[in-house]
Protein backbone atom coordinates (compact mmCIF):
# COMPACT_ATOMS: atom_id res chain seq x y z
CA MET A 1 -6.95 -6.84 -42.35
CA HIS A 2 -6.94 -10.62 -41.68
CA ILE A 3 -5.10 -10.84 -38.13
CA GLU A 4 -3.95 -14.21 -36.46
CA ALA A 5 -2.76 -14.42 -33.18
CA ASN A 6 -1.70 -16.83 -30.59
CA LEU A 7 -2.78 -15.95 -26.73
CA ASP A 8 -1.31 -17.55 -23.39
CA ASP A 9 -4.70 -18.68 -21.44
CA ILE A 10 -4.98 -15.91 -19.44
CA HIS A 11 -5.18 -13.24 -21.90
CA ALA A 12 -7.56 -15.47 -24.32
CA ALA A 13 -9.87 -16.28 -21.20
CA LYS A 14 -9.51 -12.80 -20.67
CA LEU A 15 -10.45 -11.61 -24.52
CA ILE A 16 -13.55 -14.28 -24.47
CA ASN A 17 -15.17 -12.67 -21.24
CA LEU A 18 -14.91 -8.71 -22.93
CA GLN A 19 -16.83 -10.65 -25.92
CA ARG A 20 -19.65 -12.01 -23.62
CA GLN A 21 -19.55 -8.81 -21.32
CA LEU A 22 -19.43 -6.45 -24.15
CA LYS A 23 -21.23 -8.21 -27.12
CA GLN A 24 -19.28 -7.18 -29.80
CA PRO A 25 -17.81 -8.70 -32.32
CA LEU A 26 -13.80 -9.45 -32.22
CA ALA A 27 -13.17 -7.07 -34.41
CA ASP A 28 -14.47 -4.41 -32.78
CA ILE A 29 -13.11 -5.07 -29.01
CA LEU A 30 -9.78 -5.41 -31.13
CA ALA A 31 -10.50 -1.96 -32.29
CA SER A 32 -11.50 -0.37 -29.05
CA ALA A 33 -8.03 -1.95 -27.51
CA ILE A 34 -6.14 -0.12 -30.25
CA ASP A 35 -7.69 2.98 -29.74
CA SER A 36 -7.56 2.76 -26.35
CA LEU A 37 -3.73 2.50 -26.15
CA ALA A 38 -3.06 4.74 -29.58
CA ALA A 39 -4.58 7.54 -27.23
CA GLN A 40 -2.62 6.60 -23.83
CA ARG A 41 0.62 6.70 -26.31
CA LEU A 42 -0.61 9.99 -27.51
CA GLU A 43 -1.17 11.39 -24.19
CA GLN A 44 2.74 10.13 -23.17
CA ALA A 45 4.12 11.83 -25.92
CA ASP A 46 2.65 15.34 -24.41
CA THR A 47 5.59 17.69 -23.84
CA SER A 48 3.81 20.34 -22.37
CA SER A 49 4.96 19.18 -18.56
CA PRO A 50 9.12 17.56 -18.29
CA ALA A 51 9.65 13.57 -17.87
CA PRO A 52 9.77 12.35 -14.64
CA LEU A 53 13.24 11.46 -14.74
CA TYR A 54 14.31 15.07 -15.94
CA GLN A 55 11.88 16.42 -13.10
CA ALA A 56 13.81 14.30 -10.62
CA LEU A 57 16.98 15.38 -11.91
CA GLU A 58 16.38 19.07 -11.91
CA ASN A 59 14.65 18.92 -8.71
CA ILE A 60 18.16 17.38 -6.70
CA GLY A 61 20.28 20.53 -8.99
CA PHE A 62 21.90 18.21 -11.45
CA ILE A 63 20.10 20.23 -14.15
CA GLY A 64 20.29 24.17 -14.25
CA CYS A 65 21.50 26.93 -16.32
CA ILE A 66 23.77 30.19 -16.36
CA GLU A 67 24.30 33.10 -18.44
CA THR A 68 27.25 33.42 -19.63
CA ASP A 69 29.67 34.30 -22.80
CA GLN A 70 29.54 32.37 -26.05
CA GLN A 71 33.03 30.64 -25.26
CA LEU A 72 32.08 28.43 -22.36
CA SER A 73 33.45 25.72 -23.53
CA THR A 74 36.20 27.14 -23.12
CA THR A 75 36.00 29.16 -20.21
CA TYR A 76 33.63 26.93 -17.94
CA LYS A 77 36.30 26.34 -14.80
CA GLN A 78 36.06 30.39 -14.36
CA HIS A 79 32.13 30.25 -14.50
CA LEU A 80 31.40 27.31 -12.42
CA ASP A 81 31.61 26.31 -8.87
CA PHE A 82 32.64 22.95 -8.09
CA SER A 83 32.64 22.88 -4.32
CA HIS A 84 30.04 20.89 -4.06
CA GLN A 85 31.09 17.65 -6.11
CA CYS A 86 30.78 14.28 -5.29
CA GLY A 87 32.98 10.99 -5.33
CA MET A 88 35.76 13.29 -6.37
CA PRO A 89 39.14 13.29 -4.28
CA LYS A 90 40.02 17.10 -2.91
């Protein structure tokens, strides 16, 4: 594959420095960068632990669960305690 890219001065200098330090062809450096970024994205997509936002919402009690009948959509007021709601006039 042929790639043509315009880099800003900072990134161009970083790329030149990498080539000098690693003494590798540009194609090898780009391949390593792509592999590294792809591996990082796979780690972030790992679903074995909850996302930070989910964890934060769960920690403050915003996310929870209850056991109830299958008609919760019509009987929720009988099952849920609304005494601690915020932002609503009493």
